[in-house]
mmCIF file of all heavy atoms, coordinates in Angstrom:
data_MODEL
# 
_entry.id   MODEL 
# 
loop_
_atom_site.group_PDB 
_atom_site.id 
_atom_site.type_symbol 
_atom_site.label_atom_id 
_atom_site.label_alt_id 
_atom_site.label_comp_id 
_atom_site.label_asym_id 
_atom_site.label_entity_id 
_atom_site.label_seq_id 
_atom_site.pdbx_PDB_ins_code 
_atom_site.Cartn_x 
_atom_site.Cartn_y 
_atom_site.Cartn_z 
_atom_site.occupancy 
_atom_site.B_iso_or_equiv 
_atom_site.pdbx_formal_charge 
_atom_site.auth_seq_id 
_atom_site.auth_comp_id 
_atom_site.auth_asym_id 
_atom_site.auth_atom_id 
_atom_site.pdbx_PDB_model_num 
ATOM 1   N N   . GLU A 1 1  ? -1.383 1.991   -6.950  1.00 0.00 ? 1  GLU A N   1 
ATOM 2   C CA  . GLU A 1 1  ? -0.390 3.100   -7.159  1.00 0.00 ? 1  GLU A CA  1 
ATOM 3   C C   . GLU A 1 1  ? -0.999 4.171   -8.076  1.00 0.00 ? 1  GLU A C   1 
ATOM 4   O O   . GLU A 1 1  ? -0.783 5.340   -7.758  1.00 0.00 ? 1  GLU A O   1 
ATOM 5   C CB  . GLU A 1 1  ? 0.817  2.546   -7.824  1.00 0.00 ? 1  GLU A CB  1 
ATOM 6   C CG  . GLU A 1 1  ? 1.784  1.769   -6.835  1.00 0.00 ? 1  GLU A CG  1 
ATOM 7   C CD  . GLU A 1 1  ? 1.337  0.332   -6.654  1.00 0.00 ? 1  GLU A CD  1 
ATOM 8   O OE1 . GLU A 1 1  ? 0.323  -0.107  -7.180  1.00 0.00 ? 1  GLU A OE1 1 
ATOM 9   O OE2 . GLU A 1 1  ? 2.055  -0.467  -5.948  1.00 0.00 ? 1  GLU A OE2 1 
ATOM 10  N N   . ARG A 1 2  ? -1.709 3.787   -9.110  1.00 0.00 ? 2  ARG A N   1 
ATOM 11  C CA  . ARG A 1 2  ? -2.319 4.736   -10.023 1.00 0.00 ? 2  ARG A CA  1 
ATOM 12  C C   . ARG A 1 2  ? -3.356 5.626   -9.344  1.00 0.00 ? 2  ARG A C   1 
ATOM 13  O O   . ARG A 1 2  ? -3.636 6.793   -9.571  1.00 0.00 ? 2  ARG A O   1 
ATOM 14  C CB  . ARG A 1 2  ? -2.763 4.179   -11.319 1.00 0.00 ? 2  ARG A CB  1 
ATOM 15  C CG  . ARG A 1 2  ? -1.744 3.647   -12.144 1.00 0.00 ? 2  ARG A CG  1 
ATOM 16  C CD  . ARG A 1 2  ? -2.303 3.270   -13.610 1.00 0.00 ? 2  ARG A CD  1 
ATOM 17  N NE  . ARG A 1 2  ? -3.087 2.174   -13.472 1.00 0.00 ? 2  ARG A NE  1 
ATOM 18  C CZ  . ARG A 1 2  ? -2.684 0.854   -13.660 1.00 0.00 ? 2  ARG A CZ  1 
ATOM 19  N NH1 . ARG A 1 2  ? -1.285 0.653   -13.725 1.00 0.00 ? 2  ARG A NH1 1 
ATOM 20  N NH2 . ARG A 1 2  ? -3.456 -0.155  -13.644 1.00 0.00 ? 2  ARG A NH2 1 
ATOM 21  N N   . LEU A 1 3  ? -4.085 4.976   -8.361  1.00 0.00 ? 3  LEU A N   1 
ATOM 22  C CA  . LEU A 1 3  ? -5.077 5.639   -7.581  1.00 0.00 ? 3  LEU A CA  1 
ATOM 23  C C   . LEU A 1 3  ? -4.471 6.681   -6.555  1.00 0.00 ? 3  LEU A C   1 
ATOM 24  O O   . LEU A 1 3  ? -5.279 7.442   -6.012  1.00 0.00 ? 3  LEU A O   1 
ATOM 25  C CB  . LEU A 1 3  ? -5.998 4.675   -6.904  1.00 0.00 ? 3  LEU A CB  1 
ATOM 26  C CG  . LEU A 1 3  ? -6.932 3.826   -7.688  1.00 0.00 ? 3  LEU A CG  1 
ATOM 27  C CD1 . LEU A 1 3  ? -7.671 2.699   -6.829  1.00 0.00 ? 3  LEU A CD1 1 
ATOM 28  C CD2 . LEU A 1 3  ? -7.975 4.654   -8.318  1.00 0.00 ? 3  LEU A CD2 1 
ATOM 29  N N   . GLY A 1 4  ? -3.162 6.509   -6.289  1.00 0.00 ? 4  GLY A N   1 
ATOM 30  C CA  . GLY A 1 4  ? -2.571 7.332   -5.280  1.00 0.00 ? 4  GLY A CA  1 
ATOM 31  C C   . GLY A 1 4  ? -2.643 6.630   -3.888  1.00 0.00 ? 4  GLY A C   1 
ATOM 32  O O   . GLY A 1 4  ? -2.493 7.274   -2.829  1.00 0.00 ? 4  GLY A O   1 
ATOM 33  N N   . LEU A 1 5  ? -2.840 5.289   -3.950  1.00 0.00 ? 5  LEU A N   1 
ATOM 34  C CA  . LEU A 1 5  ? -2.974 4.589   -2.655  1.00 0.00 ? 5  LEU A CA  1 
ATOM 35  C C   . LEU A 1 5  ? -2.085 3.379   -2.538  1.00 0.00 ? 5  LEU A C   1 
ATOM 36  O O   . LEU A 1 5  ? -2.311 2.377   -1.890  1.00 0.00 ? 5  LEU A O   1 
ATOM 37  C CB  . LEU A 1 5  ? -4.428 4.024   -2.531  1.00 0.00 ? 5  LEU A CB  1 
ATOM 38  C CG  . LEU A 1 5  ? -5.530 5.152   -2.380  1.00 0.00 ? 5  LEU A CG  1 
ATOM 39  C CD1 . LEU A 1 5  ? -6.894 4.589   -2.568  1.00 0.00 ? 5  LEU A CD1 1 
ATOM 40  C CD2 . LEU A 1 5  ? -5.388 5.756   -1.003  1.00 0.00 ? 5  LEU A CD2 1 
ATOM 41  N N   . GLY A 1 6  ? -0.872 3.523   -3.268  1.00 0.00 ? 6  GLY A N   1 
ATOM 42  C CA  . GLY A 1 6  ? 0.041  2.511   -3.268  1.00 0.00 ? 6  GLY A CA  1 
ATOM 43  C C   . GLY A 1 6  ? 0.868  2.268   -1.940  1.00 0.00 ? 6  GLY A C   1 
ATOM 44  O O   . GLY A 1 6  ? 0.692  3.224   -1.049  1.00 0.00 ? 6  GLY A O   1 
ATOM 45  N N   . PRO A 1 7  ? 1.521  1.267   -1.703  1.00 0.00 ? 7  PRO A N   1 
ATOM 46  C CA  . PRO A 1 7  ? 2.237  1.041   -0.376  1.00 0.00 ? 7  PRO A CA  1 
ATOM 47  C C   . PRO A 1 7  ? 3.080  2.251   -0.008  1.00 0.00 ? 7  PRO A C   1 
ATOM 48  O O   . PRO A 1 7  ? 3.124  2.594   1.226   1.00 0.00 ? 7  PRO A O   1 
ATOM 49  C CB  . PRO A 1 7  ? 3.080  -0.153  -0.622  1.00 0.00 ? 7  PRO A CB  1 
ATOM 50  C CG  . PRO A 1 7  ? 2.416  -0.861  -1.832  1.00 0.00 ? 7  PRO A CG  1 
ATOM 51  C CD  . PRO A 1 7  ? 1.894  0.137   -2.656  1.00 0.00 ? 7  PRO A CD  1 
ATOM 52  N N   . GLU A 1 8  ? 3.817  2.824   -0.758  1.00 0.00 ? 8  GLU A N   1 
ATOM 53  C CA  . GLU A 1 8  ? 4.728  3.949   -0.425  1.00 0.00 ? 8  GLU A CA  1 
ATOM 54  C C   . GLU A 1 8  ? 3.988  5.043   0.136   1.00 0.00 ? 8  GLU A C   1 
ATOM 55  O O   . GLU A 1 8  ? 4.376  5.595   1.301   1.00 0.00 ? 8  GLU A O   1 
ATOM 56  C CB  . GLU A 1 8  ? 5.563  4.400   -1.530  1.00 0.00 ? 8  GLU A CB  1 
ATOM 57  C CG  . GLU A 1 8  ? 6.628  5.438   -1.278  1.00 0.00 ? 8  GLU A CG  1 
ATOM 58  C CD  . GLU A 1 8  ? 7.534  5.764   -2.416  1.00 0.00 ? 8  GLU A CD  1 
ATOM 59  O OE1 . GLU A 1 8  ? 7.674  4.889   -3.385  1.00 0.00 ? 8  GLU A OE1 1 
ATOM 60  O OE2 . GLU A 1 8  ? 8.084  6.907   -2.478  1.00 0.00 ? 8  GLU A OE2 1 
ATOM 61  N N   . THR A 1 9  ? 2.905  5.373   -0.492  1.00 0.00 ? 9  THR A N   1 
ATOM 62  C CA  . THR A 1 9  ? 2.022  6.492   -0.081  1.00 0.00 ? 9  THR A CA  1 
ATOM 63  C C   . THR A 1 9  ? 1.393  6.180   1.310   1.00 0.00 ? 9  THR A C   1 
ATOM 64  O O   . THR A 1 9  ? 1.381  7.008   2.259   1.00 0.00 ? 9  THR A O   1 
ATOM 65  C CB  . THR A 1 9  ? 0.891  6.844   -1.044  1.00 0.00 ? 9  THR A CB  1 
ATOM 66  O OG1 . THR A 1 9  ? 1.517  7.209   -2.291  1.00 0.00 ? 9  THR A OG1 1 
ATOM 67  C CG2 . THR A 1 9  ? 0.066  8.017   -0.501  1.00 0.00 ? 9  THR A CG2 1 
ATOM 68  N N   . CYS A 1 10 ? 0.790  4.968   1.376   1.00 0.00 ? 10 CYS A N   1 
ATOM 69  C CA  . CYS A 1 10 ? 0.069  4.583   2.633   1.00 0.00 ? 10 CYS A CA  1 
ATOM 70  C C   . CYS A 1 10 ? 1.011  4.378   3.739   1.00 0.00 ? 10 CYS A C   1 
ATOM 71  O O   . CYS A 1 10 ? 0.724  4.761   4.989   1.00 0.00 ? 10 CYS A O   1 
ATOM 72  C CB  . CYS A 1 10 ? -0.718 3.274   2.319   1.00 0.00 ? 10 CYS A CB  1 
ATOM 73  S SG  . CYS A 1 10 ? -2.027 3.516   1.199   1.00 0.00 ? 10 CYS A SG  1 
ATOM 74  N N   . LEU A 1 11 ? 2.188  3.839   3.652   1.00 0.00 ? 11 LEU A N   1 
ATOM 75  C CA  . LEU A 1 11 ? 3.136  3.606   4.678   1.00 0.00 ? 11 LEU A CA  1 
ATOM 76  C C   . LEU A 1 11 ? 3.778  4.921   5.186   1.00 0.00 ? 11 LEU A C   1 
ATOM 77  O O   . LEU A 1 11 ? 4.160  5.021   6.273   1.00 0.00 ? 11 LEU A O   1 
ATOM 78  C CB  . LEU A 1 11 ? 4.187  2.552   4.275   1.00 0.00 ? 11 LEU A CB  1 
ATOM 79  C CG  . LEU A 1 11 ? 3.745  1.111   4.267   1.00 0.00 ? 11 LEU A CG  1 
ATOM 80  C CD1 . LEU A 1 11 ? 4.686  0.201   3.507   1.00 0.00 ? 11 LEU A CD1 1 
ATOM 81  C CD2 . LEU A 1 11 ? 3.594  0.604   5.686   1.00 0.00 ? 11 LEU A CD2 1 
ATOM 82  N N   . ARG A 1 12 ? 3.869  5.871   4.284   1.00 0.00 ? 12 ARG A N   1 
ATOM 83  C CA  . ARG A 1 12 ? 4.356  7.163   4.598   1.00 0.00 ? 12 ARG A CA  1 
ATOM 84  C C   . ARG A 1 12 ? 3.350  7.824   5.571   1.00 0.00 ? 12 ARG A C   1 
ATOM 85  O O   . ARG A 1 12 ? 3.676  8.464   6.577   1.00 0.00 ? 12 ARG A O   1 
ATOM 86  C CB  . ARG A 1 12 ? 4.594  8.068   3.423   1.00 0.00 ? 12 ARG A CB  1 
ATOM 87  C CG  . ARG A 1 12 ? 5.263  9.392   3.739   1.00 0.00 ? 12 ARG A CG  1 
ATOM 88  C CD  . ARG A 1 12 ? 5.842  10.002  2.555   1.00 0.00 ? 12 ARG A CD  1 
ATOM 89  N NE  . ARG A 1 12 ? 4.902  10.211  1.492   1.00 0.00 ? 12 ARG A NE  1 
ATOM 90  C CZ  . ARG A 1 12 ? 5.004  9.592   0.245   1.00 0.00 ? 12 ARG A CZ  1 
ATOM 91  N NH1 . ARG A 1 12 ? 5.981  8.767   0.010   1.00 0.00 ? 12 ARG A NH1 1 
ATOM 92  N NH2 . ARG A 1 12 ? 4.107  9.778   -0.700  1.00 0.00 ? 12 ARG A NH2 1 
ATOM 93  N N   . ARG A 1 13 ? 2.073  7.615   5.317   1.00 0.00 ? 13 ARG A N   1 
ATOM 94  C CA  . ARG A 1 13 ? 1.055  8.151   6.113   1.00 0.00 ? 13 ARG A CA  1 
ATOM 95  C C   . ARG A 1 13 ? 0.881  7.418   7.468   1.00 0.00 ? 13 ARG A C   1 
ATOM 96  O O   . ARG A 1 13 ? 0.505  7.928   8.506   1.00 0.00 ? 13 ARG A O   1 
ATOM 97  C CB  . ARG A 1 13 ? -0.324 8.086   5.341   1.00 0.00 ? 13 ARG A CB  1 
ATOM 98  C CG  . ARG A 1 13 ? -1.518 8.784   6.095   1.00 0.00 ? 13 ARG A CG  1 
ATOM 99  C CD  . ARG A 1 13 ? -1.342 10.272  6.175   1.00 0.00 ? 13 ARG A CD  1 
ATOM 100 N NE  . ARG A 1 13 ? -2.431 10.873  6.878   1.00 0.00 ? 13 ARG A NE  1 
ATOM 101 C CZ  . ARG A 1 13 ? -3.669 11.108  6.319   1.00 0.00 ? 13 ARG A CZ  1 
ATOM 102 N NH1 . ARG A 1 13 ? -3.858 10.999  5.017   1.00 0.00 ? 13 ARG A NH1 1 
ATOM 103 N NH2 . ARG A 1 13 ? -4.640 11.702  7.125   1.00 0.00 ? 13 ARG A NH2 1 
ATOM 104 N N   . ASN A 1 14 ? 1.118  6.027   7.455   1.00 0.00 ? 14 ASN A N   1 
ATOM 105 C CA  . ASN A 1 14 ? 0.856  5.188   8.563   1.00 0.00 ? 14 ASN A CA  1 
ATOM 106 C C   . ASN A 1 14 ? 2.009  4.247   8.531   1.00 0.00 ? 14 ASN A C   1 
ATOM 107 O O   . ASN A 1 14 ? 1.883  3.074   7.975   1.00 0.00 ? 14 ASN A O   1 
ATOM 108 C CB  . ASN A 1 14 ? -0.431 4.487   8.446   1.00 0.00 ? 14 ASN A CB  1 
ATOM 109 C CG  . ASN A 1 14 ? -0.705 3.664   9.671   1.00 0.00 ? 14 ASN A CG  1 
ATOM 110 O OD1 . ASN A 1 14 ? 0.148  3.391   10.471  1.00 0.00 ? 14 ASN A OD1 1 
ATOM 111 N ND2 . ASN A 1 14 ? -1.958 3.111   9.750   1.00 0.00 ? 14 ASN A ND2 1 
ATOM 112 N N   . PRO A 1 15 ? 3.227  4.519   9.199   1.00 0.00 ? 15 PRO A N   1 
ATOM 113 C CA  . PRO A 1 15 ? 4.325  3.632   9.153   1.00 0.00 ? 15 PRO A CA  1 
ATOM 114 C C   . PRO A 1 15 ? 4.163  2.269   9.694   1.00 0.00 ? 15 PRO A C   1 
ATOM 115 O O   . PRO A 1 15 ? 4.931  1.303   9.372   1.00 0.00 ? 15 PRO A O   1 
ATOM 116 C CB  . PRO A 1 15 ? 5.413  4.470   9.972   1.00 0.00 ? 15 PRO A CB  1 
ATOM 117 C CG  . PRO A 1 15 ? 4.857  5.910   9.930   1.00 0.00 ? 15 PRO A CG  1 
ATOM 118 C CD  . PRO A 1 15 ? 3.351  5.758   9.908   1.00 0.00 ? 15 PRO A CD  1 
ATOM 119 N N   . GLY A 1 16 ? 3.159  2.047   10.517  1.00 0.00 ? 16 GLY A N   1 
ATOM 120 C CA  . GLY A 1 16 ? 2.927  0.767   11.158  1.00 0.00 ? 16 GLY A CA  1 
ATOM 121 C C   . GLY A 1 16 ? 1.854  -0.089  10.404  1.00 0.00 ? 16 GLY A C   1 
ATOM 122 O O   . GLY A 1 16 ? 1.563  -1.190  10.781  1.00 0.00 ? 16 GLY A O   1 
ATOM 123 N N   . LEU A 1 17 ? 1.501  0.392   9.170   1.00 0.00 ? 17 LEU A N   1 
ATOM 124 C CA  . LEU A 1 17 ? 0.414  -0.302  8.392   1.00 0.00 ? 17 LEU A CA  1 
ATOM 125 C C   . LEU A 1 17 ? 0.926  -1.598  7.815   1.00 0.00 ? 17 LEU A C   1 
ATOM 126 O O   . LEU A 1 17 ? 2.060  -1.723  7.300   1.00 0.00 ? 17 LEU A O   1 
ATOM 127 C CB  . LEU A 1 17 ? -0.001 0.604   7.271   1.00 0.00 ? 17 LEU A CB  1 
ATOM 128 C CG  . LEU A 1 17 ? -1.135 0.080   6.332   1.00 0.00 ? 17 LEU A CG  1 
ATOM 129 C CD1 . LEU A 1 17 ? -2.450 0.157   7.147   1.00 0.00 ? 17 LEU A CD1 1 
ATOM 130 C CD2 . LEU A 1 17 ? -1.226 0.888   5.116   1.00 0.00 ? 17 LEU A CD2 1 
ATOM 131 N N   . ILE A 1 18 ? 0.109  -2.613  7.942   1.00 0.00 ? 18 ILE A N   1 
ATOM 132 C CA  . ILE A 1 18 ? 0.358  -3.907  7.167   1.00 0.00 ? 18 ILE A CA  1 
ATOM 133 C C   . ILE A 1 18 ? -0.476 -3.914  5.887   1.00 0.00 ? 18 ILE A C   1 
ATOM 134 O O   . ILE A 1 18 ? -1.715 -3.932  6.006   1.00 0.00 ? 18 ILE A O   1 
ATOM 135 C CB  . ILE A 1 18 ? -0.057 -5.109  8.060   1.00 0.00 ? 18 ILE A CB  1 
ATOM 136 C CG1 . ILE A 1 18 ? 0.744  -5.065  9.393   1.00 0.00 ? 18 ILE A CG1 1 
ATOM 137 C CG2 . ILE A 1 18 ? 0.152  -6.448  7.321   1.00 0.00 ? 18 ILE A CG2 1 
ATOM 138 C CD1 . ILE A 1 18 ? 2.234  -5.043  9.246   1.00 0.00 ? 18 ILE A CD1 1 
ATOM 139 N N   . TYR A 1 19 ? 0.187  -3.832  4.780   1.00 0.00 ? 19 TYR A N   1 
ATOM 140 C CA  . TYR A 1 19 ? -0.380 -3.635  3.480   1.00 0.00 ? 19 TYR A CA  1 
ATOM 141 C C   . TYR A 1 19 ? -0.536 -4.929  2.739   1.00 0.00 ? 19 TYR A C   1 
ATOM 142 O O   . TYR A 1 19 ? 0.422  -5.440  2.293   1.00 0.00 ? 19 TYR A O   1 
ATOM 143 C CB  . TYR A 1 19 ? 0.470  -2.635  2.684   1.00 0.00 ? 19 TYR A CB  1 
ATOM 144 C CG  . TYR A 1 19 ? -0.233 -2.059  1.464   1.00 0.00 ? 19 TYR A CG  1 
ATOM 145 C CD1 . TYR A 1 19 ? -0.457 -0.739  1.448   1.00 0.00 ? 19 TYR A CD1 1 
ATOM 146 C CD2 . TYR A 1 19 ? -0.475 -2.811  0.369   1.00 0.00 ? 19 TYR A CD2 1 
ATOM 147 C CE1 . TYR A 1 19 ? -1.007 -0.100  0.200   1.00 0.00 ? 19 TYR A CE1 1 
ATOM 148 C CE2 . TYR A 1 19 ? -1.054 -2.270  -0.793  1.00 0.00 ? 19 TYR A CE2 1 
ATOM 149 C CZ  . TYR A 1 19 ? -1.391 -0.928  -0.873  1.00 0.00 ? 19 TYR A CZ  1 
ATOM 150 O OH  . TYR A 1 19 ? -1.912 -0.336  -1.954  1.00 0.00 ? 19 TYR A OH  1 
ATOM 151 N N   . GLY A 1 20 ? -1.703 -5.521  2.946   1.00 0.00 ? 20 GLY A N   1 
ATOM 152 C CA  . GLY A 1 20 ? -1.978 -6.825  2.369   1.00 0.00 ? 20 GLY A CA  1 
ATOM 153 C C   . GLY A 1 20 ? -2.511 -6.778  0.930   1.00 0.00 ? 20 GLY A C   1 
ATOM 154 O O   . GLY A 1 20 ? -3.546 -6.095  0.661   1.00 0.00 ? 20 GLY A O   1 
ATOM 155 N N   . ARG A 1 21 ? -1.771 -7.431  0.000   1.00 0.00 ? 21 ARG A N   1 
ATOM 156 C CA  . ARG A 1 21 ? -2.268 -7.452  -1.390  1.00 0.00 ? 21 ARG A CA  1 
ATOM 157 C C   . ARG A 1 21 ? -2.142 -8.923  -2.003  1.00 0.00 ? 21 ARG A C   1 
ATOM 158 O O   . ARG A 1 21 ? -1.231 -9.611  -1.683  1.00 0.00 ? 21 ARG A O   1 
ATOM 159 C CB  . ARG A 1 21 ? -1.398 -6.402  -2.237  1.00 0.00 ? 21 ARG A CB  1 
ATOM 160 C CG  . ARG A 1 21 ? -0.048 -6.385  -2.037  1.00 0.00 ? 21 ARG A CG  1 
ATOM 161 C CD  . ARG A 1 21 ? 0.739  -5.172  -2.750  1.00 0.00 ? 21 ARG A CD  1 
ATOM 162 N NE  . ARG A 1 21 ? -0.028 -4.251  -3.501  1.00 0.00 ? 21 ARG A NE  1 
ATOM 163 C CZ  . ARG A 1 21 ? 0.422  -3.341  -4.276  1.00 0.00 ? 21 ARG A CZ  1 
ATOM 164 N NH1 . ARG A 1 21 ? 1.796  -3.191  -4.462  1.00 0.00 ? 21 ARG A NH1 1 
ATOM 165 N NH2 . ARG A 1 21 ? -0.334 -2.508  -4.920  1.00 0.00 ? 21 ARG A NH2 1 
ATOM 166 N N   . VAL A 1 22 ? -3.211 -9.225  -2.671  1.00 0.00 ? 22 VAL A N   1 
ATOM 167 C CA  . VAL A 1 22 ? -3.234 -10.556 -3.216  1.00 0.00 ? 22 VAL A CA  1 
ATOM 168 C C   . VAL A 1 22 ? -3.546 -10.523 -4.739  1.00 0.00 ? 22 VAL A C   1 
ATOM 169 O O   . VAL A 1 22 ? -4.385 -9.803  -5.186  1.00 0.00 ? 22 VAL A O   1 
ATOM 170 C CB  . VAL A 1 22 ? -4.390 -11.416 -2.528  1.00 0.00 ? 22 VAL A CB  1 
ATOM 171 C CG1 . VAL A 1 22 ? -5.758 -10.829 -2.569  1.00 0.00 ? 22 VAL A CG1 1 
ATOM 172 C CG2 . VAL A 1 22 ? -4.445 -12.827 -3.011  1.00 0.00 ? 22 VAL A CG2 1 
ATOM 173 N N   . THR A 1 23 ? -2.784 -11.247 -5.515  1.00 0.00 ? 23 THR A N   1 
ATOM 174 C CA  . THR A 1 23 ? -2.983 -11.346 -6.970  1.00 0.00 ? 23 THR A CA  1 
ATOM 175 C C   . THR A 1 23 ? -2.724 -12.800 -7.387  1.00 0.00 ? 23 THR A C   1 
ATOM 176 O O   . THR A 1 23 ? -2.463 -13.627 -6.541  1.00 0.00 ? 23 THR A O   1 
ATOM 177 C CB  . THR A 1 23 ? -1.897 -10.487 -7.681  1.00 0.00 ? 23 THR A CB  1 
ATOM 178 O OG1 . THR A 1 23 ? -0.632 -10.934 -7.255  1.00 0.00 ? 23 THR A OG1 1 
ATOM 179 C CG2 . THR A 1 23 ? -1.994 -9.019  -7.410  1.00 0.00 ? 23 THR A CG2 1 
ATOM 180 N N   . GLY A 1 24 ? -3.014 -13.070 -8.646  1.00 0.00 ? 24 GLY A N   1 
ATOM 181 C CA  . GLY A 1 24 ? -2.912 -14.491 -9.154  1.00 0.00 ? 24 GLY A CA  1 
ATOM 182 C C   . GLY A 1 24 ? -1.442 -14.750 -9.410  1.00 0.00 ? 24 GLY A C   1 
ATOM 183 O O   . GLY A 1 24 ? -0.788 -15.648 -8.927  1.00 0.00 ? 24 GLY A O   1 
ATOM 184 N N   . TRP A 1 25 ? -0.849 -13.854 -10.252 1.00 0.00 ? 25 TRP A N   1 
ATOM 185 C CA  . TRP A 1 25 ? 0.563  -13.962 -10.728 1.00 0.00 ? 25 TRP A CA  1 
ATOM 186 C C   . TRP A 1 25 ? 1.672  -13.385 -9.879  1.00 0.00 ? 25 TRP A C   1 
ATOM 187 O O   . TRP A 1 25 ? 2.766  -13.644 -10.078 1.00 0.00 ? 25 TRP A O   1 
ATOM 188 C CB  . TRP A 1 25 ? 0.763  -13.523 -12.109 1.00 0.00 ? 25 TRP A CB  1 
ATOM 189 C CG  . TRP A 1 25 ? -0.230 -13.916 -13.131 1.00 0.00 ? 25 TRP A CG  1 
ATOM 190 C CD1 . TRP A 1 25 ? -1.200 -13.213 -13.817 1.00 0.00 ? 25 TRP A CD1 1 
ATOM 191 C CD2 . TRP A 1 25 ? -0.426 -15.257 -13.657 1.00 0.00 ? 25 TRP A CD2 1 
ATOM 192 N NE1 . TRP A 1 25 ? -1.944 -13.930 -14.654 1.00 0.00 ? 25 TRP A NE1 1 
ATOM 193 C CE2 . TRP A 1 25 ? -1.520 -15.255 -14.525 1.00 0.00 ? 25 TRP A CE2 1 
ATOM 194 C CE3 . TRP A 1 25 ? 0.182  -16.562 -13.504 1.00 0.00 ? 25 TRP A CE3 1 
ATOM 195 C CZ2 . TRP A 1 25 ? -1.984 -16.386 -15.337 1.00 0.00 ? 25 TRP A CZ2 1 
ATOM 196 C CZ3 . TRP A 1 25 ? -0.279 -17.627 -14.127 1.00 0.00 ? 25 TRP A CZ3 1 
ATOM 197 C CH2 . TRP A 1 25 ? -1.257 -17.447 -15.064 1.00 0.00 ? 25 TRP A CH2 1 
# 
């Protein structure tokens, strides 16, 4: 999100995007 590449921004650009994110917690 701080880079300007968060889900909201990316899905607005590409509504069919599958945004996969993996974290520990």
